Amino acid sequence: MADLVRRLRRQGHDIRYVDAGGGLEFRMRGAGNFEEQIARMRGCANSFARIECSFVARAWTRHCGAAGVLLARVLYRKTNRRKRFLIVDAG
């Protein structure tokens, strides 16, 4: 990802942040201990720090997301050629 940021910057894009969202997978069991996983995340953040780019991640989203319920209301329906969409009041 840091290499991609470098290439895009060379093309003139002003990239200051990379937000991985909850896309980083940190397993509770079977993937090494907690310290090893934190070291992986630290290494990732350090690679962005070297190119002066902020790195944002929510590593525990994967675990917390399965523990809740999302309630949303359908505001309206939208069609675009063959596709149909529901517009909801949730992000």
N, C-alpha and C. Protein backbone atom coordinates (compact mmCIF):
# COMPACT_ATOMS: atom_id res chain seq x y z
N MET A 1 0.82 -1.19 0.00
CA MET A 1 0.00 0.00 0.00
C MET A 1 0.86 1.25 0.00
N ALA A 2 1.94 1.24 0.77
CA ALA A 2 2.81 2.42 0.80
C ALA A 2 3.41 2.66 -0.59
N ASP A 3 3.74 1.60 -1.31
CA ASP A 3 4.26 1.75 -2.68
C ASP A 3 3.20 2.37 -3.59
N LEU A 4 1.95 1.95 -3.42
CA LEU A 4 0.86 2.51 -4.22
C LEU A 4 0.70 4.00 -3.92
N VAL A 5 0.79 4.39 -2.66
CA VAL A 5 0.71 5.81 -2.30
C VAL A 5 1.83 6.58 -2.97
N ARG A 6 3.03 6.03 -2.96
CA ARG A 6 4.17 6.70 -3.62
C ARG A 6 3.90 6.91 -5.10
N ARG A 7 3.41 5.86 -5.78
CA ARG A 7 3.14 5.97 -7.22
C ARG A 7 2.05 6.99 -7.51
N LEU A 8 1.00 6.98 -6.71
CA LEU A 8 -0.09 7.93 -6.93
C LEU A 8 0.36 9.36 -6.66
N ARG A 9 1.22 9.55 -5.69
CA ARG A 9 1.75 10.88 -5.42
C ARG A 9 2.59 11.38 -6.60
N ARG A 10 3.39 10.47 -7.19
CA ARG A 10 4.19 10.87 -8.36
C ARG A 10 3.30 11.31 -9.51
N GLN A 11 2.08 10.79 -9.57
CA GLN A 11 1.13 11.18 -10.61
C GLN A 11 0.37 12.45 -10.25
N GLY A 12 0.67 13.03 -9.09
CA GLY A 12 0.06 14.29 -8.71
C GLY A 12 -1.06 14.22 -7.70
N HIS A 13 -1.38 13.04 -7.19
CA HIS A 13 -2.45 12.90 -6.20
C HIS A 13 -1.92 13.28 -4.81
N ASP A 14 -2.73 14.05 -4.08
CA ASP A 14 -2.35 14.51 -2.75
C ASP A 14 -2.94 13.55 -1.71
N ILE A 15 -2.23 12.48 -1.42
CA ILE A 15 -2.72 11.47 -0.48
C ILE A 15 -2.06 11.70 0.86
N ARG A 16 -2.89 11.93 1.87
CA ARG A 16 -2.38 12.20 3.22
C ARG A 16 -2.75 11.10 4.20
N TYR A 17 -3.82 10.36 3.91
CA TYR A 17 -4.32 9.34 4.83
C TYR A 17 -4.60 8.05 4.08
N VAL A 18 -4.36 6.93 4.73
CA VAL A 18 -4.80 5.63 4.25
C VAL A 18 -5.63 5.04 5.37
N ASP A 19 -6.90 4.78 5.08
CA ASP A 19 -7.82 4.25 6.08
C ASP A 19 -8.14 2.81 5.71
N ALA A 20 -7.62 1.87 6.49
CA ALA A 20 -7.86 0.45 6.23
C ALA A 20 -9.20 -0.01 6.80
N GLY A 21 -9.87 0.88 7.51
CA GLY A 21 -11.17 0.52 8.09
C GLY A 21 -11.02 -0.69 8.99
N GLY A 22 -11.95 -1.59 8.90
CA GLY A 22 -11.89 -2.83 9.66
C GLY A 22 -11.33 -3.96 8.82
N GLY A 23 -10.63 -3.61 7.76
CA GLY A 23 -10.15 -4.60 6.81
C GLY A 23 -8.93 -5.39 7.23
N LEU A 24 -8.30 -5.00 8.32
CA LEU A 24 -7.15 -5.77 8.79
C LEU A 24 -7.64 -6.93 9.65
N GLU A 25 -7.20 -8.09 9.32
CA GLU A 25 -7.66 -9.26 10.07
C GLU A 25 -6.65 -9.62 11.14
N PHE A 26 -7.07 -9.52 12.37
CA PHE A 26 -6.27 -9.93 13.51
C PHE A 26 -7.07 -10.99 14.24
N ARG A 27 -6.59 -12.20 14.21
CA ARG A 27 -7.33 -13.32 14.78
C ARG A 27 -7.07 -13.47 16.26
N MET A 28 -8.08 -13.92 16.95
CA MET A 28 -7.95 -14.15 18.38
C MET A 28 -7.21 -15.46 18.66
N ARG A 29 -7.44 -16.45 17.81
CA ARG A 29 -6.81 -17.76 18.01
C ARG A 29 -6.15 -18.24 16.71
N GLY A 30 -5.09 -18.96 16.84
CA GLY A 30 -4.51 -19.64 15.69
C GLY A 30 -3.64 -18.79 14.78
N ALA A 31 -3.37 -17.54 15.11
CA ALA A 31 -2.56 -16.71 14.22
C ALA A 31 -1.43 -16.04 14.99
N GLY A 32 -0.86 -16.73 15.92
CA GLY A 32 0.22 -16.14 16.70
C GLY A 32 -0.34 -15.41 17.90
N ASN A 33 0.54 -14.99 18.74
CA ASN A 33 0.06 -14.32 19.94
C ASN A 33 -0.23 -12.84 19.69
N PHE A 34 -0.81 -12.21 20.68
CA PHE A 34 -1.24 -10.82 20.58
C PHE A 34 -0.06 -9.90 20.25
N GLU A 35 1.09 -10.12 20.88
CA GLU A 35 2.25 -9.26 20.65
C GLU A 35 2.71 -9.33 19.19
N GLU A 36 2.66 -10.52 18.59
CA GLU A 36 3.05 -10.66 17.18
C GLU A 36 2.10 -9.89 16.27
N GLN A 37 0.83 -9.94 16.59
CA GLN A 37 -0.15 -9.23 15.77
C GLN A 37 0.01 -7.72 15.90
N ILE A 38 0.28 -7.23 17.10
CA ILE A 38 0.52 -5.81 17.30
C ILE A 38 1.78 -5.39 16.55
N ALA A 39 2.80 -6.23 16.55
CA ALA A 39 4.03 -5.93 15.82
C ALA A 39 3.75 -5.81 14.32
N ARG A 40 2.87 -6.64 13.78
CA ARG A 40 2.49 -6.54 12.37
C ARG A 40 1.84 -5.20 12.08
N MET A 41 0.93 -4.79 12.95
CA MET A 41 0.25 -3.52 12.75
C MET A 41 1.24 -2.36 12.88
N ARG A 42 2.13 -2.44 13.84
CA ARG A 42 3.14 -1.39 14.03
C ARG A 42 4.01 -1.28 12.78
N GLY A 43 4.42 -2.41 12.22
CA GLY A 43 5.23 -2.39 11.00
C GLY A 43 4.50 -1.73 9.85
N CYS A 44 3.23 -2.01 9.73
CA CYS A 44 2.41 -1.39 8.69
C CYS A 44 2.34 0.12 8.89
N ALA A 45 2.05 0.54 10.11
CA ALA A 45 1.97 1.98 10.41
C ALA A 45 3.32 2.66 10.17
N ASN A 46 4.42 2.00 10.52
CA ASN A 46 5.76 2.59 10.32
C ASN A 46 6.06 2.79 8.84
N SER A 47 5.60 1.87 7.98
CA SER A 47 5.86 2.02 6.55
C SER A 47 5.18 3.28 6.01
N PHE A 48 4.01 3.62 6.54
CA PHE A 48 3.34 4.84 6.12
C PHE A 48 3.98 6.07 6.75
N ALA A 49 4.45 5.96 7.96
CA ALA A 49 5.11 7.09 8.63
C ALA A 49 6.35 7.52 7.85
N ARG A 50 7.07 6.55 7.27
CA ARG A 50 8.28 6.88 6.51
C ARG A 50 7.97 7.74 5.28
N ILE A 51 6.75 7.63 4.76
CA ILE A 51 6.40 8.44 3.60
C ILE A 51 5.46 9.59 3.99
N GLU A 52 5.40 9.89 5.29
CA GLU A 52 4.60 10.98 5.83
C GLU A 52 3.13 10.87 5.42
N CYS A 53 2.57 9.71 5.69
CA CYS A 53 1.17 9.44 5.39
C CYS A 53 0.54 8.81 6.63
N SER A 54 -0.59 9.35 7.08
CA SER A 54 -1.24 8.80 8.26
C SER A 54 -1.94 7.49 7.93
N PHE A 55 -1.87 6.55 8.85
CA PHE A 55 -2.46 5.22 8.68
C PHE A 55 -3.52 5.03 9.76
N VAL A 56 -4.74 4.68 9.34
CA VAL A 56 -5.85 4.49 10.27
C VAL A 56 -6.38 3.08 10.09
N ALA A 57 -6.62 2.39 11.21
CA ALA A 57 -7.18 1.04 11.14
C ALA A 57 -8.00 0.76 12.38
N ARG A 58 -9.01 -0.03 12.21
CA ARG A 58 -9.84 -0.47 13.33
C ARG A 58 -9.75 -1.99 13.34
N ALA A 59 -8.71 -2.48 13.97
CA ALA A 59 -8.40 -3.91 13.91
C ALA A 59 -9.46 -4.79 14.54
N TRP A 60 -10.20 -4.28 15.49
CA TRP A 60 -11.15 -5.14 16.19
C TRP A 60 -12.53 -5.11 15.59
N THR A 61 -12.73 -4.38 14.50
CA THR A 61 -14.05 -4.32 13.87
C THR A 61 -14.56 -5.71 13.51
N ARG A 62 -13.67 -6.55 13.07
CA ARG A 62 -14.06 -7.91 12.66
C ARG A 62 -14.72 -8.65 13.82
N HIS A 63 -14.25 -8.44 15.03
CA HIS A 63 -14.80 -9.14 16.19
C HIS A 63 -16.03 -8.45 16.73
N CYS A 64 -16.00 -7.14 16.78
CA CYS A 64 -17.13 -6.39 17.34
C CYS A 64 -18.33 -6.39 16.40
N GLY A 65 -18.07 -6.39 15.11
CA GLY A 65 -19.16 -6.34 14.14
C GLY A 65 -20.11 -7.52 14.26
N ALA A 66 -19.60 -8.67 14.61
CA ALA A 66 -20.44 -9.86 14.73
C ALA A 66 -21.25 -9.86 16.02
N ALA A 67 -21.00 -8.91 16.90
CA ALA A 67 -21.66 -8.90 18.21
C ALA A 67 -22.87 -7.99 18.25
N GLY A 68 -23.22 -7.33 17.16
CA GLY A 68 -24.31 -6.36 17.21
C GLY A 68 -25.30 -6.53 16.08
N VAL A 69 -26.22 -5.59 16.03
CA VAL A 69 -27.26 -5.58 15.01
C VAL A 69 -27.32 -4.19 14.41
N LEU A 70 -27.44 -4.09 13.10
CA LEU A 70 -27.60 -2.82 12.43
C LEU A 70 -29.07 -2.63 12.08
N LEU A 71 -29.66 -1.57 12.59
CA LEU A 71 -31.04 -1.24 12.27
C LEU A 71 -31.03 -0.11 11.27
N ALA A 72 -31.77 -0.27 10.18
CA ALA A 72 -31.83 0.75 9.15
C ALA A 72 -33.23 0.81 8.57
N ARG A 73 -33.58 2.00 8.09
CA ARG A 73 -34.88 2.19 7.47
C ARG A 73 -34.64 2.47 5.98
N VAL A 74 -35.44 1.86 5.12
CA VAL A 74 -35.34 2.11 3.69
C VAL A 74 -35.98 3.46 3.41
N LEU A 75 -35.19 4.38 2.84
CA LEU A 75 -35.69 5.71 2.53
C LEU A 75 -36.36 5.75 1.16
N TYR A 76 -35.71 5.11 0.18
CA TYR A 76 -36.33 4.98 -1.14
C TYR A 76 -35.60 3.93 -1.96
N ARG A 77 -36.23 3.57 -3.06
CA ARG A 77 -35.66 2.58 -3.98
C ARG A 77 -35.19 3.30 -5.23
N LYS A 78 -34.09 2.80 -5.79
CA LYS A 78 -33.50 3.44 -6.96
C LYS A 78 -33.18 2.36 -7.98
N THR A 79 -33.44 2.63 -9.23
CA THR A 79 -33.08 1.70 -10.30
C THR A 79 -32.15 2.42 -11.27
N ASN A 80 -31.20 1.67 -11.78
CA ASN A 80 -30.23 2.20 -12.72
C ASN A 80 -29.99 1.12 -13.75
N ARG A 81 -30.65 1.24 -14.87
CA ARG A 81 -30.62 0.20 -15.92
C ARG A 81 -31.11 -1.11 -15.34
N ARG A 82 -30.23 -2.10 -15.20
CA ARG A 82 -30.66 -3.41 -14.70
C ARG A 82 -30.47 -3.57 -13.20
N LYS A 83 -29.85 -2.62 -12.55
CA LYS A 83 -29.56 -2.75 -11.12
C LYS A 83 -30.63 -2.06 -10.28
N ARG A 84 -30.86 -2.62 -9.10
CA ARG A 84 -31.80 -2.02 -8.16
C ARG A 84 -31.07 -1.76 -6.85
N PHE A 85 -31.33 -0.61 -6.24
CA PHE A 85 -30.67 -0.22 -5.00
C PHE A 85 -31.73 0.16 -3.97
N LEU A 86 -31.39 -0.05 -2.70
CA LEU A 86 -32.19 0.48 -1.60
C LEU A 86 -31.34 1.52 -0.91
N ILE A 87 -31.88 2.71 -0.76
CA ILE A 87 -31.19 3.78 -0.05
C ILE A 87 -31.70 3.75 1.39
N VAL A 88 -30.77 3.62 2.33
CA VAL A 88 -31.13 3.45 3.73
C VAL A 88 -30.56 4.59 4.57
N ASP A 89 -31.03 4.69 5.81
CA ASP A 89 -30.57 5.76 6.70
C ASP A 89 -29.46 5.27 7.64
N ALA A 90 -28.61 4.38 7.16
CA ALA A 90 -27.49 3.87 7.95
C ALA A 90 -26.21 4.03 7.13
N GLY A 91 -25.08 4.22 7.83
CA GLY A 91 -23.82 4.41 7.12
C GLY A 91 -23.01 3.15 7.09
